[in-house]
Amino acid sequence: MTDQAEESIANRAVHHGPVALTSSIRSTDFLRNLEPWRRSKEIDQILHEGAVDLNALHAAAERRPPQRDSSFDQYRTDDWTSAQENLDEDELIIAGQEVMQAWERPLMHRMAAIATRTHGDVLELGFGMGISATAILAEGVRSYTVIEANSHVAERARAWAAERPDQTITIVEGRWQDRIDELGQFDGIFFDTYPTSEEEALAHNVEDTFYAEHFLPAGARHLRPGGVLTYYTNEIDSLSREHQRIVLRHFTSVEIGVVEGLLPPEDCTYWWATSMAVVALVR
């Protein structure tokens, strides 16, 4: 290969609307086993997808007012498990933190439908406002089990279960990391927990590719063959390549859909877009 060809492959640029992305590859051995035209094509495709994603992100952000600044100091609490809850019809707040809000109802119902596909045994991580739990039972299941870390929310979950004596319901109080291996396998798992500390928020909201990533090994371990895991994705309308690679390390396939028309309030600190991707990971 000529020096000019090497230079052309090593330095690529893609423009899409107001976004321009460039690559600078500093190793002549990078992708050396591919033909030059294919190397260029693959690099250009990645740059193009990045530019398209940035434009899509901008378009979504333009549909809402500017967000107020927040920091991870909000996740600091002495003991999440005993922190008092404040619940009304619009939101659940624990230790001053927005844990769940009513705008999530369409999302929770869609995820409940995914987790209950086989109408078998379903495990939920995080009871929250009880929206998804009620939707799961409405879909029809053999049994419903939930792990809830906060003692006040767990007590409310027990009261909710007592109102449904004809259902097979198990409430497990504690952190899922401490309690899940006491349980067996399930046909569906619904994962929607909340960081209980500043350390968890930084590790899983910032450093991980997506929040539920740290749960995937346990989720796969506790699903029966053909079972389905769904979780709160924090993705607007698709999954990134890295997100897909990570889930496919643990599951045989991933199905992706989108819930449109979400209306988080302007002061919501944990979501801002009018849509969210939903997933079904099949073991």
C-alpha atoms as a PDB file:
ATOM      1  CA  MET A   1       0.000   0.000   0.000  1.00  0.00           C
ATOM      2  CA  THR A   2       1.261   3.472  -0.834  1.00  0.00           C
ATOM      3  CA  ASP A   3       1.943   6.075   1.826  1.00  0.00           C
ATOM      4  CA  GLN A   4      -0.873   8.170   0.346  1.00  0.00           C
ATOM      5  CA  ALA A   5      -3.340   5.281   0.676  1.00  0.00           C
ATOM      6  CA  GLU A   6      -2.235   4.664   4.264  1.00  0.00           C
ATOM      7  CA  GLU A   7      -2.736   8.347   5.048  1.00  0.00           C
ATOM      8  CA  SER A   8      -6.213   8.260   3.490  1.00  0.00           C
ATOM      9  CA  ILE A   9      -7.289   5.329   5.674  1.00  0.00           C
ATOM     10  CA  ALA A  10      -5.678   6.634   8.860  1.00  0.00           C
ATOM     11  CA  ASN A  11      -7.401  10.035   8.644  1.00  0.00           C
ATOM     12  CA  ARG A  12     -11.091   9.901   7.785  1.00  0.00           C
ATOM     13  CA  ALA A  13     -13.797  12.559   8.092  1.00  0.00           C
ATOM     14  CA  VAL A  14     -17.583  12.421   7.888  1.00  0.00           C
ATOM     15  CA  HIS A  15     -20.013  15.351   7.837  1.00  0.00           C
ATOM     16  CA  HIS A  16     -23.710  15.080   8.673  1.00  0.00           C
ATOM     17  CA  GLY A  17     -25.637  18.302   9.152  1.00  0.00           C
ATOM     18  CA  PRO A  18     -23.812  20.504  11.696  1.00  0.00           C
ATOM     19  CA  VAL A  19     -21.734  17.569  12.962  1.00  0.00           C
ATOM     20  CA  ALA A  20     -18.294  16.696  11.609  1.00  0.00           C
ATOM     21  CA  LEU A  21     -16.443  13.686  13.008  1.00  0.00           C
ATOM     22  CA  THR A  22     -12.885  12.682  12.186  1.00  0.00           C
ATOM     23  CA  SER A  23     -10.723   9.679  12.974  1.00  0.00           C
ATOM     24  CA  SER A  24      -6.982   9.557  13.409  1.00  0.00           C
ATOM     25  CA  ILE A  25      -5.530   6.049  13.501  1.00  0.00           C
ATOM     26  CA  ARG A  26      -1.969   6.025  14.761  1.00  0.00           C
ATOM     27  CA  SER A  27      -1.074   2.411  14.010  1.00  0.00           C
ATOM     28  CA  THR A  28      -0.350   1.126  10.511  1.00  0.00           C
ATOM     29  CA  ASP A  29      -1.309  -2.344  11.766  1.00  0.00           C
ATOM     30  CA  PHE A  30      -4.862  -1.299  12.605  1.00  0.00           C
ATOM     31  CA  LEU A  31      -7.337  -3.404  10.555  1.00  0.00           C
ATOM     32  CA  ARG A  32      -4.397  -4.376   8.346  1.00  0.00           C
ATOM     33  CA  ASN A  33      -5.990  -7.682   7.338  1.00  0.00           C
ATOM     34  CA  LEU A  34      -8.855  -5.900   5.594  1.00  0.00           C
ATOM     35  CA  GLU A  35      -8.653  -4.578   2.070  1.00  0.00           C
ATOM     36  CA  PRO A  36      -8.041  -0.808   1.973  1.00  0.00           C
ATOM     37  CA  TRP A  37     -11.492  -0.020   0.553  1.00  0.00           C
ATOM     38  CA  ARG A  38     -13.155  -2.109   3.279  1.00  0.00           C
ATOM     39  CA  ARG A  39     -11.110  -0.481   6.028  1.00  0.00           C
ATOM     40  CA  SER A  40     -12.224   2.926   4.785  1.00  0.00           C
ATOM     41  CA  LYS A  41     -15.853   1.803   4.507  1.00  0.00           C
ATOM     42  CA  GLU A  42     -15.988   0.380   8.039  1.00  0.00           C
ATOM     43  CA  ILE A  43     -14.361   3.448   9.580  1.00  0.00           C
ATOM     44  CA  ASP A  44     -16.631   5.794   7.627  1.00  0.00           C
ATOM     45  CA  GLN A  45     -19.705   3.844   8.699  1.00  0.00           C
ATOM     46  CA  ILE A  46     -18.813   4.160  12.377  1.00  0.00           C
ATOM     47  CA  LEU A  47     -18.167   7.885  11.974  1.00  0.00           C
ATOM     48  CA  HIS A  48     -21.410   8.299  10.031  1.00  0.00           C
ATOM     49  CA  GLU A  49     -23.437   6.480  12.695  1.00  0.00           C
ATOM     50  CA  GLY A  50     -21.865   8.638  15.397  1.00  0.00           C
ATOM     51  CA  ALA A  51     -22.761  11.819  13.527  1.00  0.00           C
ATOM     52  CA  VAL A  52     -26.319  10.622  12.891  1.00  0.00           C
ATOM     53  CA  ASP A  53     -26.706   9.698  16.580  1.00  0.00           C
ATOM     54  CA  LEU A  54     -25.509  13.143  17.670  1.00  0.00           C
ATOM     55  CA  ASN A  55     -27.998  14.827  15.358  1.00  0.00           C
ATOM     56  CA  ALA A  56     -30.793  12.588  16.657  1.00  0.00           C
ATOM     57  CA  LEU A  57     -29.779  13.415  20.236  1.00  0.00           C
ATOM     58  CA  HIS A  58     -29.857  17.120  19.414  1.00  0.00           C
ATOM     59  CA  ALA A  59     -33.313  16.813  17.819  1.00  0.00           C
ATOM     60  CA  ALA A  60     -34.654  15.031  20.902  1.00  0.00           C
ATOM     61  CA  ALA A  61     -33.101  17.616  23.236  1.00  0.00           C
ATOM     62  CA  GLU A  62     -34.658  20.459  21.263  1.00  0.00           C
ATOM     63  CA  ARG A  63     -38.122  19.121  22.082  1.00  0.00           C
ATOM     64  CA  ARG A  64     -37.819  20.066  25.747  1.00  0.00           C
ATOM     65  CA  PRO A  65     -36.702  23.067  27.831  1.00  0.00           C
ATOM     66  CA  PRO A  66     -33.149  23.217  29.226  1.00  0.00           C
ATOM     67  CA  GLN A  67     -32.534  20.951  32.205  1.00  0.00           C
ATOM     68  CA  ARG A  68     -31.330  22.301  35.504  1.00  0.00           C
ATOM     69  CA  ASP A  69     -27.866  21.244  36.555  1.00  0.00           C
ATOM     70  CA  SER A  70     -27.625  18.388  39.062  1.00  0.00           C
ATOM     71  CA  SER A  71     -24.804  16.442  40.644  1.00  0.00           C
ATOM     72  CA  PHE A  72     -24.333  12.990  42.063  1.00  0.00           C
ATOM     73  CA  ASP A  73     -24.404  14.474  45.557  1.00  0.00           C
ATOM     74  CA  GLN A  74     -28.162  13.841  45.352  1.00  0.00           C
ATOM     75  CA  TYR A  75     -27.503  10.106  45.797  1.00  0.00           C
ATOM     76  CA  ARG A  76     -25.928  10.528  49.209  1.00  0.00           C
ATOM     77  CA  THR A  77     -27.953   9.019  52.043  1.00  0.00           C
ATOM     78  CA  ASP A  78     -26.978   7.398  55.317  1.00  0.00           C
ATOM     79  CA  ASP A  79     -29.000   4.221  54.779  1.00  0.00           C
ATOM     80  CA  TRP A  80     -31.138   3.714  51.726  1.00  0.00           C
ATOM     81  CA  THR A  81     -32.806   0.622  53.155  1.00  0.00           C
ATOM     82  CA  SER A  82     -34.487   2.581  55.972  1.00  0.00           C
ATOM     83  CA  ALA A  83     -34.838   6.015  54.344  1.00  0.00           C
ATOM     84  CA  GLN A  84     -38.360   7.398  54.527  1.00  0.00           C
ATOM     85  CA  GLU A  85     -40.482   7.350  51.369  1.00  0.00           C
ATOM     86  CA  ASN A  86     -42.758  10.160  50.192  1.00  0.00           C
ATOM     87  CA  LEU A  87     -45.410   8.827  47.808  1.00  0.00           C
ATOM     88  CA  ASP A  88     -48.291  10.497  46.031  1.00  0.00           C
ATOM     89  CA  GLU A  89     -50.076   9.794  42.745  1.00  0.00           C
ATOM     90  CA  ASP A  90     -47.392  11.621  40.750  1.00  0.00           C
ATOM     91  CA  GLU A  91     -44.099  10.371  42.143  1.00  0.00           C
ATOM     92  CA  LEU A  92     -42.099   8.367  44.650  1.00  0.00           C
ATOM     93  CA  ILE A  93     -39.334  10.224  46.492  1.00  0.00           C
ATOM     94  CA  ILE A  94     -36.885   8.523  48.833  1.00  0.00           C
ATOM     95  CA  ALA A  95     -34.273  10.520  50.752  1.00  0.00           C
ATOM     96  CA  GLY A  96     -35.069  13.526  48.557  1.00  0.00           C
ATOM     97  CA  GLN A  97     -34.427  11.604  45.324  1.00  0.00           C
ATOM     98  CA  GLU A  98     -36.872  11.113  42.462  1.00  0.00           C
ATOM     99  CA  VAL A  99     -37.124   7.322  42.304  1.00  0.00           C
ATOM    100  CA  MET A 100     -40.165   7.014  40.047  1.00  0.00           C
ATOM    101  CA  GLN A 101     -42.814   9.224  38.462  1.00  0.00           C
ATOM    102  CA  ALA A 102     -46.252   8.653  36.963  1.00  0.00           C
ATOM    103  CA  TRP A 103     -45.155   9.563  33.406  1.00  0.00           C
ATOM    104  CA  GLU A 104     -43.476   6.129  33.289  1.00  0.00           C
ATOM    105  CA  ARG A 105     -46.839   4.287  33.156  1.00  0.00           C
ATOM    106  CA  PRO A 106     -46.801   3.594  29.380  1.00  0.00           C
ATOM    107  CA  LEU A 107     -43.204   2.412  29.649  1.00  0.00           C
ATOM    108  CA  MET A 108     -43.923   0.181  32.655  1.00  0.00           C
ATOM    109  CA  HIS A 109     -46.934  -1.401  30.942  1.00  0.00           C
ATOM    110  CA  ARG A 110     -44.901  -2.171  27.805  1.00  0.00           C
ATOM    111  CA  MET A 111     -42.100  -3.712  29.873  1.00  0.00           C
ATOM    112  CA  ALA A 112     -44.605  -5.728  31.929  1.00  0.00           C
ATOM    113  CA  ALA A 113     -45.995  -7.209  28.714  1.00  0.00           C
ATOM    114  CA  ILE A 114     -42.461  -8.287  27.759  1.00  0.00           C
ATOM    115  CA  ALA A 115     -41.652  -9.842  31.138  1.00  0.00           C
ATOM    116  CA  THR A 116     -44.907 -11.849  31.176  1.00  0.00           C
ATOM    117  CA  ARG A 117     -44.755 -13.332  27.677  1.00  0.00           C
ATOM    118  CA  THR A 118     -44.953 -16.908  28.909  1.00  0.00           C
ATOM    119  CA  HIS A 119     -47.334 -16.085  31.788  1.00  0.00           C
ATOM    120  CA  GLY A 120     -45.026 -18.086  34.041  1.00  0.00           C
ATOM    121  CA  ASP A 121     -42.948 -17.093  37.076  1.00  0.00           C
ATOM    122  CA  VAL A 122     -41.858 -13.443  37.029  1.00  0.00           C
ATOM    123  CA  LEU A 123     -39.241 -11.673  39.165  1.00  0.00           C
ATOM    124  CA  GLU A 124     -39.197  -7.905  39.526  1.00  0.00           C
ATOM    125  CA  LEU A 125     -36.300  -5.908  40.960  1.00  0.00           C
ATOM    126  CA  GLY A 126     -37.658  -2.765  42.638  1.00  0.00           C
ATOM    127  CA  PHE A 127     -41.347  -2.308  43.567  1.00  0.00           C
ATOM    128  CA  GLY A 128     -41.374   1.487  43.239  1.00  0.00           C
ATOM    129  CA  MET A 129     -44.895   2.868  42.921  1.00  0.00           C
ATOM    130  CA  GLY A 130     -46.312  -0.568  42.184  1.00  0.00           C
ATOM    131  CA  ILE A 131     -47.217   0.419  38.612  1.00  0.00           C
ATOM    132  CA  SER A 132     -45.325  -2.401  36.942  1.00  0.00           C
ATOM    133  CA  ALA A 133     -46.256  -4.941  39.614  1.00  0.00           C
ATOM    134  CA  THR A 134     -49.948  -4.286  39.036  1.00  0.00           C
ATOM    135  CA  ALA A 135     -49.437  -4.453  35.264  1.00  0.00           C
ATOM    136  CA  ILE A 136     -47.579  -7.770  35.575  1.00  0.00           C
ATOM    137  CA  LEU A 137     -50.467  -9.355  37.486  1.00  0.00           C
ATOM    138  CA  ALA A 138     -52.960  -7.921  34.988  1.00  0.00           C
ATOM    139  CA  GLU A 139     -51.077  -9.706  32.187  1.00  0.00           C
ATOM    140  CA  GLY A 140     -51.546 -13.016  34.027  1.00  0.00           C
ATOM    141  CA  VAL A 141     -48.660 -14.941  35.634  1.00  0.00           C
ATOM    142  CA  ARG A 142     -48.175 -18.164  37.587  1.00  0.00           C
ATOM    143  CA  SER A 143     -46.282 -16.326  40.320  1.00  0.00           C
ATOM    144  CA  TYR A 144     -44.862 -12.880  41.045  1.00  0.00           C
ATOM    145  CA  THR A 145     -41.775 -12.219  43.185  1.00  0.00           C
ATOM    146  CA  VAL A 146     -40.262  -8.813  43.905  1.00  0.00           C
ATOM    147  CA  ILE A 147     -37.026  -7.820  45.639  1.00  0.00           C
ATOM    148  CA  GLU A 148     -37.237  -4.388  47.276  1.00  0.00           C
ATOM    149  CA  ALA A 149     -34.369  -2.728  49.161  1.00  0.00           C
ATOM    150  CA  ASN A 150     -36.251   0.003  51.005  1.00  0.00           C
ATOM    151  CA  SER A 151     -38.105  -1.195  54.123  1.00  0.00           C
ATOM    152  CA  HIS A 152     -40.985   1.311  53.758  1.00  0.00           C
ATOM    153  CA  VAL A 153     -41.548   0.426  50.107  1.00  0.00           C
ATOM    154  CA  ALA A 154     -41.341  -3.282  50.995  1.00  0.00           C
ATOM    155  CA  GLU A 155     -43.993  -2.789  53.679  1.00  0.00           C
ATOM    156  CA  ARG A 156     -46.252  -1.103  51.120  1.00  0.00           C
ATOM    157  CA  ALA A 157     -45.601  -4.000  48.723  1.00  0.00           C
ATOM    158  CA  ARG A 158     -46.706  -6.456  51.425  1.00  0.00           C
ATOM    159  CA  ALA A 159     -49.921  -4.469  51.912  1.00  0.00           C
ATOM    160  CA  TRP A 160     -50.447  -4.472  48.144  1.00  0.00           C
ATOM    161  CA  ALA A 161     -49.960  -8.259  48.085  1.00  0.00           C
ATOM    162  CA  ALA A 162     -52.407  -8.768  50.969  1.00  0.00           C
ATOM    163  CA  GLU A 163     -55.111  -7.160  48.830  1.00  0.00           C
ATOM    164  CA  ARG A 164     -54.596  -9.907  46.232  1.00  0.00           C
ATOM    165  CA  PRO A 165     -54.991 -13.192  48.152  1.00  0.00           C
ATOM    166  CA  ASP A 166     -55.847 -15.099  44.965  1.00  0.00           C
ATOM    167  CA  GLN A 167     -52.377 -14.396  43.508  1.00  0.00           C
ATOM    168  CA  THR A 168     -49.085 -16.158  44.283  1.00  0.00           C
ATOM    169  CA  ILE A 169     -46.932 -13.227  45.438  1.00  0.00           C
ATOM    170  CA  THR A 170     -43.602 -13.220  47.294  1.00  0.00           C
ATOM    171  CA  ILE A 171     -42.056 -10.034  48.718  1.00  0.00           C
ATOM    172  CA  VAL A 172     -38.300 -10.269  49.381  1.00  0.00           C
ATOM    173  CA  GLU A 173     -36.898  -7.371  51.388  1.00  0.00           C
ATOM    174  CA  GLY A 174     -33.250  -6.389  50.899  1.00  0.00           C
ATOM    175  CA  ARG A 175     -30.765  -5.451  48.221  1.00  0.00           C
ATOM    176  CA  TRP A 176     -31.000  -7.669  45.156  1.00  0.00           C
ATOM    177  CA  GLN A 177     -27.245  -8.271  45.312  1.00  0.00           C
ATOM    178  CA  ASP A 178     -27.736  -9.883  48.729  1.00  0.00           C
ATOM    179  CA  ARG A 179     -30.974 -11.780  48.128  1.00  0.00           C
ATOM    180  CA  ILE A 180     -31.249 -12.920  44.508  1.00  0.00           C
ATOM    181  CA  ASP A 181     -29.160 -16.074  44.883  1.00  0.00           C
ATOM    182  CA  GLU A 182     -31.630 -17.308  47.509  1.00  0.00           C
ATOM    183  CA  LEU A 183     -34.176 -17.541  44.700  1.00  0.00           C
ATOM    184  CA  GLY A 184     -34.514 -19.996  41.854  1.00  0.00           C
ATOM    185  CA  GLN A 185     -35.108 -19.429  38.160  1.00  0.00           C
ATOM    186  CA  PHE A 186     -37.859 -17.476  36.463  1.00  0.00           C
ATOM    187  CA  ASP A 187     -39.529 -17.180  33.072  1.00  0.00           C
ATOM    188  CA  GLY A 188     -39.373 -13.391  33.047  1.00  0.00           C
ATOM    189  CA  ILE A 189     -37.368 -10.730  34.898  1.00  0.00           C
ATOM    190  CA  PHE A 190     -38.181  -7.024  35.120  1.00  0.00           C
ATOM    191  CA  PHE A 191     -35.198  -4.923  36.311  1.00  0.00           C
ATOM    192  CA  ASP A 192     -35.781  -1.310  37.323  1.00  0.00           C
ATOM    193  CA  THR A 193     -33.819  -0.393  40.436  1.00  0.00           C
ATOM    194  CA  TYR A 194     -32.324   2.896  41.602  1.00  0.00           C
ATOM    195  CA  PRO A 195     -28.779   3.733  42.747  1.00  0.00           C
ATOM    196  CA  THR A 196     -28.667   3.572  46.524  1.00  0.00           C
ATOM    197  CA  SER A 197     -25.429   5.550  46.888  1.00  0.00           C
ATOM    198  CA  GLU A 198     -23.207   8.062  45.131  1.00  0.00           C
ATOM    199  CA  GLU A 199     -20.742   5.241  44.404  1.00  0.00           C
ATOM    200  CA  GLU A 200     -23.424   3.131  42.689  1.00  0.00           C
ATOM    201  CA  ALA A 201     -24.602   6.103  40.638  1.00  0.00           C
ATOM    202  CA  LEU A 202     -21.104   6.894  39.394  1.00  0.00           C
ATOM    203  CA  ALA A 203     -20.247   3.247  38.690  1.00  0.00           C
ATOM    204  CA  HIS A 204     -23.426   2.277  36.863  1.00  0.00           C
ATOM    205  CA  ASN A 205     -24.858   5.545  35.488  1.00  0.00           C
ATOM    206  CA  VAL A 206     -21.536   7.015  34.345  1.00  0.00           C
ATOM    207  CA  GLU A 207     -18.791   4.405  34.045  1.00  0.00           C
ATOM    208  CA  ASP A 208     -20.896   1.498  32.745  1.00  0.00           C
ATOM    209  CA  THR A 209     -22.280   1.640  29.209  1.00  0.00           C
ATOM    210  CA  PHE A 210     -25.814   1.421  30.659  1.00  0.00           C
ATOM    211  CA  TYR A 211     -27.209   1.147  34.172  1.00  0.00           C
ATOM    212  CA  ALA A 212     -28.523  -2.428  34.003  1.00  0.00           C
ATOM    213  CA  GLU A 213     -25.182  -3.770  32.738  1.00  0.00           C
ATOM    214  CA  HIS A 214     -24.083  -4.875  36.211  1.00  0.00           C
ATOM    215  CA  PHE A 215     -27.245  -6.972  36.589  1.00  0.00           C
ATOM    216  CA  LEU A 216     -26.907  -8.995  33.370  1.00  0.00           C
ATOM    217  CA  PRO A 217     -24.855 -11.931  34.758  1.00  0.00           C
ATOM    218  CA  ALA A 218     -27.314 -12.446  37.622  1.00  0.00           C
ATOM    219  CA  GLY A 219     -30.274 -11.952  35.305  1.00  0.00           C
ATOM    220  CA  ALA A 220     -29.057 -14.592  32.871  1.00  0.00           C
ATOM    221  CA  ARG A 221     -28.288 -16.977  35.744  1.00  0.00           C
ATOM    222  CA  HIS A 222     -31.817 -16.736  37.133  1.00  0.00           C
ATOM    223  CA  LEU A 223     -33.689 -17.129  33.836  1.00  0.00           C
ATOM    224  CA  ARG A 224     -34.879 -20.450  32.522  1.00  0.00           C
ATOM    225  CA  PRO A 225     -33.924 -21.302  28.913  1.00  0.00           C
ATOM    226  CA  GLY A 226     -36.036 -19.130  26.634  1.00  0.00           C
ATOM    227  CA  GLY A 227     -36.750 -16.731  29.505  1.00  0.00           C
ATOM    228  CA  VAL A 228     -36.853 -12.972  28.950  1.00  0.00           C
ATOM    229  CA  LEU A 229     -35.222 -10.052  30.751  1.00  0.00           C
ATOM    230  CA  THR A 230     -36.376  -6.474  30.280  1.00  0.00           C
ATOM    231  CA  TYR A 231     -35.007  -3.357  31.960  1.00  0.00           C
ATOM    232  CA  TYR A 232     -35.127   0.439  32.007  1.00  0.00           C
ATOM    233  CA  THR A 233     -32.698   1.170  29.175  1.00  0.00           C
ATOM    234  CA  ASN A 234     -31.965   4.912  29.402  1.00  0.00           C
ATOM    235  CA  GLU A 235     -31.808   4.845  25.583  1.00  0.00           C
ATOM    236  CA  ILE A 236     -33.973   7.183  23.501  1.00  0.00           C
ATOM    237  CA  ASP A 237     -34.865   5.139  20.417  1.00  0.00           C
ATOM    238  CA  SER A 238     -32.233   2.432  19.809  1.00  0.00           C
ATOM    239  CA  LEU A 239     -29.308   0.647  21.436  1.00  0.00           C
ATOM    240  CA  SER A 240     -25.704   1.561  20.783  1.00  0.00           C
ATOM    241  CA  ARG A 241     -23.383  -1.038  19.235  1.00  0.00           C
ATOM    242  CA  GLU A 242     -21.565  -1.451  22.545  1.00  0.00           C
ATOM    243  CA  HIS A 243     -24.865  -1.867  24.403  1.00  0.00           C
ATOM    244  CA  GLN A 244     -25.819  -4.674  22.001  1.00  0.00           C
ATOM    245  CA  ARG A 245     -22.410  -6.359  22.270  1.00  0.00           C
ATOM    246  CA  ILE A 246     -22.642  -6.424  26.055  1.00  0.00           C
ATOM    247  CA  VAL A 247     -26.110  -7.970  26.206  1.00  0.00           C
ATOM    248  CA  LEU A 248     -25.224 -10.604  23.596  1.00  0.00           C
ATOM    249  CA  ARG A 249     -22.388 -11.828  25.813  1.00  0.00           C
ATOM    250  CA  HIS A 250     -25.050 -13.091  28.217  1.00  0.00           C
ATOM    251  CA  PHE A 251     -28.150 -13.669  26.066  1.00  0.00           C
ATOM    252  CA  THR A 252     -28.894 -15.403  22.779  1.00  0.00           C
ATOM    253  CA  SER A 253     -30.877 -12.557  21.224  1.00  0.00           C
ATOM    254  CA  VAL A 254     -32.163  -9.042  21.824  1.00  0.00           C
ATOM    255  CA  GLU A 255     -35.388  -7.495  20.583  1.00  0.00           C
ATOM    256  CA  ILE A 256     -35.730  -3.711  20.517  1.00  0.00           C
ATOM    257  CA  GLY A 257     -38.838  -1.546  20.463  1.00  0.00           C
ATOM    258  CA  VAL A 258     -39.666   2.066  21.304  1.00  0.00           C
ATOM    259  CA  VAL A 259     -42.293   3.593  23.579  1.00  0.00           C
ATOM    260  CA  GLU A 260     -43.288   7.008  22.220  1.00  0.00           C
ATOM    261  CA  GLY A 261     -45.253   9.850  23.785  1.00  0.00           C
ATOM    262  CA  LEU A 262     -43.556   9.913  27.181  1.00  0.00           C
ATOM    263  CA  LEU A 263     -44.066  13.177  29.055  1.00  0.00           C
ATOM    264  CA  PRO A 264     -41.534  13.575  31.863  1.00  0.00           C
ATOM    265  CA  PRO A 265     -42.020  16.917  33.646  1.00  0.00           C
ATOM    266  CA  GLU A 266     -39.549  19.693  32.965  1.00  0.00           C
ATOM    267  CA  ASP A 267     -37.975  19.305  36.401  1.00  0.00           C
ATOM    268  CA  CYS A 268     -37.502  15.523  36.157  1.00  0.00           C
ATOM    269  CA  THR A 269     -33.868  14.814  37.003  1.00  0.00           C
ATOM    270  CA  TYR A 270     -33.525  11.285  35.600  1.00  0.00           C
ATOM    271  CA  TRP A 271     -35.139  11.366  32.128  1.00  0.00           C
ATOM    272  CA  TRP A 272     -35.882  14.049  29.586  1.00  0.00           C
ATOM    273  CA  ALA A 273     -36.839  12.580  26.186  1.00  0.00           C
ATOM    274  CA  THR A 274     -40.328  11.811  24.851  1.00  0.00           C
ATOM    275  CA  SER A 275     -39.419   8.213  24.000  1.00  0.00           C
ATOM    276  CA  MET A 276     -37.404   5.315  25.374  1.00  0.00           C
ATOM    277  CA  ALA A 277     -36.172   2.082  23.837  1.00  0.00           C
ATOM    278  CA  VAL A 278     -37.492  -1.121  25.384  1.00  0.00           C
ATOM    279  CA  VAL A 279     -35.739  -4.464  25.163  1.00  0.00           C
ATOM    280  CA  ALA A 280     -36.421  -8.158  25.471  1.00  0.00           C
ATOM    281  CA  LEU A 281     -33.257 -10.170  26.104  1.00  0.00           C
ATOM    282  CA  VAL A 282     -33.812 -13.868  25.499  1.00  0.00           C
ATOM    283  CA  ARG A 283     -31.708 -16.443  27.328  1.00  0.00           C
END
